[in-house]
C-alpha atoms as a PDB file:
ATOM      1  CA  MET A   1     -75.987 -29.409  -4.967  1.00  0.00           C
ATOM      2  CA  SER A   2     -76.482 -32.802  -6.566  1.00  0.00           C
ATOM      3  CA  VAL A   3     -79.793 -34.544  -6.016  1.00  0.00           C
ATOM      4  CA  PRO A   4     -79.527 -38.122  -4.673  1.00  0.00           C
ATOM      5  CA  THR A   5     -81.206 -40.356  -7.234  1.00  0.00           C
ATOM      6  CA  VAL A   6     -82.080 -44.031  -7.599  1.00  0.00           C
ATOM      7  CA  ALA A   7     -83.296 -45.962 -10.639  1.00  0.00           C
ATOM      8  CA  VAL A   8     -86.366 -48.178 -10.341  1.00  0.00           C
ATOM      9  CA  SER A   9     -84.053 -51.204 -10.528  1.00  0.00           C
ATOM     10  CA  GLY A  10     -82.348 -49.955  -7.357  1.00  0.00           C
ATOM     11  CA  VAL A  11     -85.580 -49.832  -5.336  1.00  0.00           C
ATOM     12  CA  PRO A  12     -86.171 -53.064  -3.377  1.00  0.00           C
ATOM     13  CA  ASP A  13     -89.309 -55.063  -4.154  1.00  0.00           C
ATOM     14  CA  PRO A  14     -91.150 -55.226  -1.864  1.00  0.00           C
ATOM     15  CA  LEU A  15     -90.464 -51.762  -0.499  1.00  0.00           C
ATOM     16  CA  PRO A  16     -88.557 -51.860   2.797  1.00  0.00           C
ATOM     17  CA  GLU A  17     -90.274 -51.230   6.128  1.00  0.00           C
ATOM     18  CA  GLY A  18     -89.927 -47.650   7.231  1.00  0.00           C
ATOM     19  CA  LEU A  19     -89.467 -46.218   3.727  1.00  0.00           C
ATOM     20  CA  THR A  20     -91.866 -43.375   2.963  1.00  0.00           C
ATOM     21  CA  VAL A  21     -92.851 -42.930  -0.680  1.00  0.00           C
ATOM     22  CA  LEU A  22     -93.770 -39.275  -1.284  1.00  0.00           C
ATOM     23  CA  ASP A  23     -95.691 -38.591  -4.504  1.00  0.00           C
ATOM     24  CA  VAL A  24     -95.545 -34.891  -5.446  1.00  0.00           C
ATOM     25  CA  ARG A  25     -97.753 -35.076  -8.553  1.00  0.00           C
ATOM     26  CA  GLU A  26    -101.060 -33.266  -9.002  1.00  0.00           C
ATOM     27  CA  ASP A  27    -104.387 -34.756  -7.898  1.00  0.00           C
ATOM     28  CA  PHE A  28    -105.443 -35.998 -11.361  1.00  0.00           C
ATOM     29  CA  GLU A  29    -102.116 -37.823 -11.758  1.00  0.00           C
ATOM     30  CA  TRP A  30    -102.453 -39.414  -8.305  1.00  0.00           C
ATOM     31  CA  GLN A  31    -106.022 -40.519  -9.029  1.00  0.00           C
ATOM     32  CA  ALA A  32    -104.955 -42.304 -12.245  1.00  0.00           C
ATOM     33  CA  GLY A  33    -102.241 -44.392 -10.615  1.00  0.00           C
ATOM     34  CA  HIS A  34     -99.684 -44.364  -7.814  1.00  0.00           C
ATOM     35  CA  ILE A  35     -97.529 -46.595  -5.642  1.00  0.00           C
ATOM     36  CA  ASP A  36     -99.666 -48.307  -3.015  1.00  0.00           C
ATOM     37  CA  GLY A  37     -99.139 -46.782   0.418  1.00  0.00           C
ATOM     38  CA  ALA A  38     -97.534 -43.589  -0.927  1.00  0.00           C
ATOM     39  CA  LEU A  39     -98.086 -40.226   0.729  1.00  0.00           C
ATOM     40  CA  HIS A  40     -99.617 -37.717  -1.701  1.00  0.00           C
ATOM     41  CA  VAL A  41     -98.486 -34.118  -1.260  1.00  0.00           C
ATOM     42  CA  PRO A  42     -98.508 -32.064  -4.482  1.00  0.00           C
ATOM     43  CA  LEU A  43     -95.237 -30.153  -4.938  1.00  0.00           C
ATOM     44  CA  GLY A  44     -96.895 -26.764  -4.460  1.00  0.00           C
ATOM     45  CA  GLU A  45     -98.330 -27.852  -1.092  1.00  0.00           C
ATOM     46  CA  LEU A  46     -95.114 -29.352   0.260  1.00  0.00           C
ATOM     47  CA  PRO A  47     -93.930 -26.366   2.348  1.00  0.00           C
ATOM     48  CA  ASP A  48     -97.313 -26.161   4.109  1.00  0.00           C
ATOM     49  CA  ARG A  49     -97.580 -29.932   4.629  1.00  0.00           C
ATOM     50  CA  LEU A  50     -93.978 -30.652   5.593  1.00  0.00           C
ATOM     51  CA  ALA A  51     -95.044 -32.118   8.945  1.00  0.00           C
ATOM     52  CA  GLU A  52     -96.658 -35.040   7.062  1.00  0.00           C
ATOM     53  CA  VAL A  53     -93.283 -36.208   5.733  1.00  0.00           C
ATOM     54  CA  GLY A  54     -91.746 -38.772   8.058  1.00  0.00           C
ATOM     55  CA  ASP A  55     -88.253 -38.483   9.480  1.00  0.00           C
ATOM     56  CA  GLY A  56     -86.980 -41.756   8.013  1.00  0.00           C
ATOM     57  CA  GLN A  57     -85.760 -42.321   4.471  1.00  0.00           C
ATOM     58  CA  THR A  58     -88.132 -40.958   1.823  1.00  0.00           C
ATOM     59  CA  LEU A  59     -88.341 -41.898  -1.851  1.00  0.00           C
ATOM     60  CA  VAL A  60     -89.818 -38.958  -3.785  1.00  0.00           C
ATOM     61  CA  VAL A  61     -91.673 -39.585  -7.057  1.00  0.00           C
ATOM     62  CA  CYS A  62     -93.407 -37.646  -9.823  1.00  0.00           C
ATOM     63  CA  LYS A  63     -94.126 -38.487 -13.470  1.00  0.00           C
ATOM     64  CA  VAL A  64     -90.559 -38.382 -14.845  1.00  0.00           C
ATOM     65  CA  GLY A  65     -88.330 -37.050 -12.055  1.00  0.00           C
ATOM     66  CA  GLY A  66     -88.269 -33.266 -12.510  1.00  0.00           C
ATOM     67  CA  ARG A  67     -90.708 -32.171  -9.813  1.00  0.00           C
ATOM     68  CA  SER A  68     -89.509 -34.867  -7.454  1.00  0.00           C
ATOM     69  CA  GLY A  69     -85.937 -33.679  -8.035  1.00  0.00           C
ATOM     70  CA  GLN A  70     -86.978 -30.173  -6.969  1.00  0.00           C
ATOM     71  CA  ALA A  71     -88.696 -31.621  -3.904  1.00  0.00           C
ATOM     72  CA  VAL A  72     -85.636 -33.719  -2.998  1.00  0.00           C
ATOM     73  CA  ALA A  73     -83.311 -30.711  -3.264  1.00  0.00           C
ATOM     74  CA  TRP A  74     -85.595 -28.637  -1.027  1.00  0.00           C
ATOM     75  CA  LEU A  75     -86.268 -31.425   1.484  1.00  0.00           C
ATOM     76  CA  ALA A  76     -82.534 -32.203   1.745  1.00  0.00           C
ATOM     77  CA  GLU A  77     -81.945 -28.538   2.640  1.00  0.00           C
ATOM     78  CA  GLN A  78     -84.509 -28.999   5.426  1.00  0.00           C
ATOM     79  CA  GLY A  79     -82.512 -31.953   6.774  1.00  0.00           C
ATOM     80  CA  TYR A  80     -84.579 -34.835   5.379  1.00  0.00           C
ATOM     81  CA  ASP A  81     -83.108 -38.161   4.189  1.00  0.00           C
ATOM     82  CA  VAL A  82     -84.512 -38.158   0.653  1.00  0.00           C
ATOM     83  CA  VAL A  83     -83.816 -39.716  -2.733  1.00  0.00           C
ATOM     84  CA  ASN A  84     -85.357 -39.000  -6.136  1.00  0.00           C
ATOM     85  CA  LEU A  85     -86.847 -41.801  -8.273  1.00  0.00           C
ATOM     86  CA  ASP A  86     -85.094 -41.424 -11.633  1.00  0.00           C
ATOM     87  CA  GLY A  87     -87.605 -41.760 -14.466  1.00  0.00           C
ATOM     88  CA  GLY A  88     -90.498 -41.354 -12.041  1.00  0.00           C
ATOM     89  CA  MET A  89     -93.774 -43.180 -12.391  1.00  0.00           C
ATOM     90  CA  LEU A  90     -93.236 -43.695 -16.131  1.00  0.00           C
ATOM     91  CA  ASP A  91     -90.202 -45.903 -15.431  1.00  0.00           C
ATOM     92  CA  TRP A  92     -91.966 -47.500 -12.441  1.00  0.00           C
ATOM     93  CA  ALA A  93     -94.903 -48.562 -14.639  1.00  0.00           C
ATOM     94  CA  ALA A  94     -92.621 -49.621 -17.516  1.00  0.00           C
ATOM     95  CA  ALA A  95     -90.746 -51.912 -15.102  1.00  0.00           C
ATOM     96  CA  GLY A  96     -94.032 -53.600 -14.192  1.00  0.00           C
ATOM     97  CA  ARG A  97     -93.881 -52.452 -10.571  1.00  0.00           C
ATOM     98  CA  PRO A  98     -97.233 -52.501  -8.723  1.00  0.00           C
ATOM     99  CA  MET A  99     -99.570 -49.520  -8.816  1.00  0.00           C
ATOM    100  CA  VAL A 100    -103.083 -48.741  -7.628  1.00  0.00           C
ATOM    101  CA  SER A 101    -105.637 -46.162  -8.743  1.00  0.00           C
ATOM    102  CA  GLU A 102    -108.286 -44.158  -6.950  1.00  0.00           C
ATOM    103  CA  THR A 103    -110.759 -44.444  -9.858  1.00  0.00           C
ATOM    104  CA  GLY A 104    -111.571 -48.148  -9.830  1.00  0.00           C
ATOM    105  CA  ALA A 105    -110.005 -48.428 -13.291  1.00  0.00           C
ATOM    106  CA  ALA A 106    -106.680 -50.079 -14.042  1.00  0.00           C
ATOM    107  CA  PRO A 107    -103.869 -47.819 -12.807  1.00  0.00           C
ATOM    108  CA  THR A 108    -102.073 -45.703 -15.391  1.00  0.00           C
ATOM    109  CA  VAL A 109     -99.546 -42.880 -15.392  1.00  0.00           C
ATOM    110  CA  ALA A 110    -101.283 -39.634 -16.335  1.00  0.00           C
END
């Protein structure tokens, strides 16, 4: 099964209404910097927190795209409309796309 993927350049800015951004990174990564408004569900917690994922289109992100690719493959099997962010948060930050942090410091990709 191929994983549907989109490059940062293919993600509209601003993000479209109704798009859920699902960040599957660990807590320390989320704290350092993430996409504003994203839903944070670490990959290992996803099966138990599936109800939190909306039923519309979901963009799944991690640091580089590996964990989010796993999440997309699994979520697609569950019937979700999902796409993986190729290059993850590293490419997002490199493209100058907006991020926020939970620490009060400037957002970074950990």
